[in-house]
Amino acid sequence: GLKEKLYNYFNQNYQNMFNRYMVTAEDEMLKKVRGFIDREEMKVLNRYT
């Protein structure tokens, strides 16, 4: 029926939105972690040169 169609439609959109958000959030986290590691490595390298 119509209710099931609407439910499925919203459910799918929610899933897509959620997946996109998770991918973006993971991407941001990885960038931050990489930036942090790069900075720490530079500190260590500068200390030994």
C-alpha atoms as a PDB file:
ATOM      1  CA  GLY A   1       0.000   0.000   0.000  1.00  0.00           C
ATOM      2  CA  LEU A   2       0.828   3.668   0.026  1.00  0.00           C
ATOM      3  CA  LYS A   3       2.077   3.638   3.615  1.00  0.00           C
ATOM      4  CA  GLU A   4       4.658   0.953   2.818  1.00  0.00           C
ATOM      5  CA  LYS A   5       5.807   2.850  -0.279  1.00  0.00           C
ATOM      6  CA  LEU A   6       6.276   6.037   1.725  1.00  0.00           C
ATOM      7  CA  TYR A   7       8.008   4.155   4.511  1.00  0.00           C
ATOM      8  CA  ASN A   8      10.413   2.471   2.083  1.00  0.00           C
ATOM      9  CA  TYR A   9      11.102   5.767   0.325  1.00  0.00           C
ATOM     10  CA  PHE A  10      11.966   7.598   3.541  1.00  0.00           C
ATOM     11  CA  ASN A  11      13.915   4.649   4.848  1.00  0.00           C
ATOM     12  CA  GLN A  12      16.076   4.554   1.708  1.00  0.00           C
ATOM     13  CA  ASN A  13      16.705   8.295   1.793  1.00  0.00           C
ATOM     14  CA  TYR A  14      17.630   8.104   5.459  1.00  0.00           C
ATOM     15  CA  GLN A  15      20.055   5.248   4.766  1.00  0.00           C
ATOM     16  CA  ASN A  16      21.688   7.167   1.917  1.00  0.00           C
ATOM     17  CA  MET A  17      21.970  10.304   4.029  1.00  0.00           C
ATOM     18  CA  PHE A  18      23.379   8.360   6.957  1.00  0.00           C
ATOM     19  CA  ASN A  19      25.944   6.563   4.775  1.00  0.00           C
ATOM     20  CA  ARG A  20      27.034   9.807   3.160  1.00  0.00           C
ATOM     21  CA  TYR A  21      27.370  11.446   6.559  1.00  0.00           C
ATOM     22  CA  MET A  22      29.396   8.534   7.951  1.00  0.00           C
ATOM     23  CA  VAL A  23      31.762   8.564   4.970  1.00  0.00           C
ATOM     24  CA  THR A  24      32.256  12.323   5.327  1.00  0.00           C
ATOM     25  CA  ALA A  25      32.791  12.089   9.080  1.00  0.00           C
ATOM     26  CA  GLU A  26      35.333   9.272   8.663  1.00  0.00           C
ATOM     27  CA  ASP A  27      37.108  11.286   5.973  1.00  0.00           C
ATOM     28  CA  GLU A  28      37.363  14.320   8.260  1.00  0.00           C
ATOM     29  CA  MET A  29      38.650  12.189  11.128  1.00  0.00           C
ATOM     30  CA  LEU A  30      41.316  10.614   8.928  1.00  0.00           C
ATOM     31  CA  LYS A  31      42.440  14.027   7.686  1.00  0.00           C
ATOM     32  CA  LYS A  32      42.719  15.318  11.261  1.00  0.00           C
ATOM     33  CA  VAL A  33      44.624  12.247  12.425  1.00  0.00           C
ATOM     34  CA  ARG A  34      46.977  12.428   9.436  1.00  0.00           C
ATOM     35  CA  GLY A  35      47.582  16.127  10.015  1.00  0.00           C
ATOM     36  CA  PHE A  36      48.340  15.470  13.668  1.00  0.00           C
ATOM     37  CA  ILE A  37      50.733  12.604  12.857  1.00  0.00           C
ATOM     38  CA  ASP A  38      52.486  14.728  10.224  1.00  0.00           C
ATOM     39  CA  ARG A  39      53.018  17.535  12.745  1.00  0.00           C
ATOM     40  CA  GLU A  40      54.331  15.152  15.393  1.00  0.00           C
ATOM     41  CA  GLU A  41      56.711  13.564  12.887  1.00  0.00           C
ATOM     42  CA  MET A  42      58.020  16.972  11.868  1.00  0.00           C
ATOM     43  CA  LYS A  43      58.692  17.806  15.536  1.00  0.00           C
ATOM     44  CA  VAL A  44      60.631  14.569  15.982  1.00  0.00           C
ATOM     45  CA  LEU A  45      62.577  15.058  12.749  1.00  0.00           C
ATOM     46  CA  ASN A  46      63.438  18.653  13.647  1.00  0.00           C
ATOM     47  CA  ARG A  47      64.673  17.515  17.031  1.00  0.00           C
ATOM     48  CA  TYR A  48      67.119  15.051  15.469  1.00  0.00           C
ATOM     49  CA  THR A  49      68.465  17.251  12.674  1.00  0.00           C
END
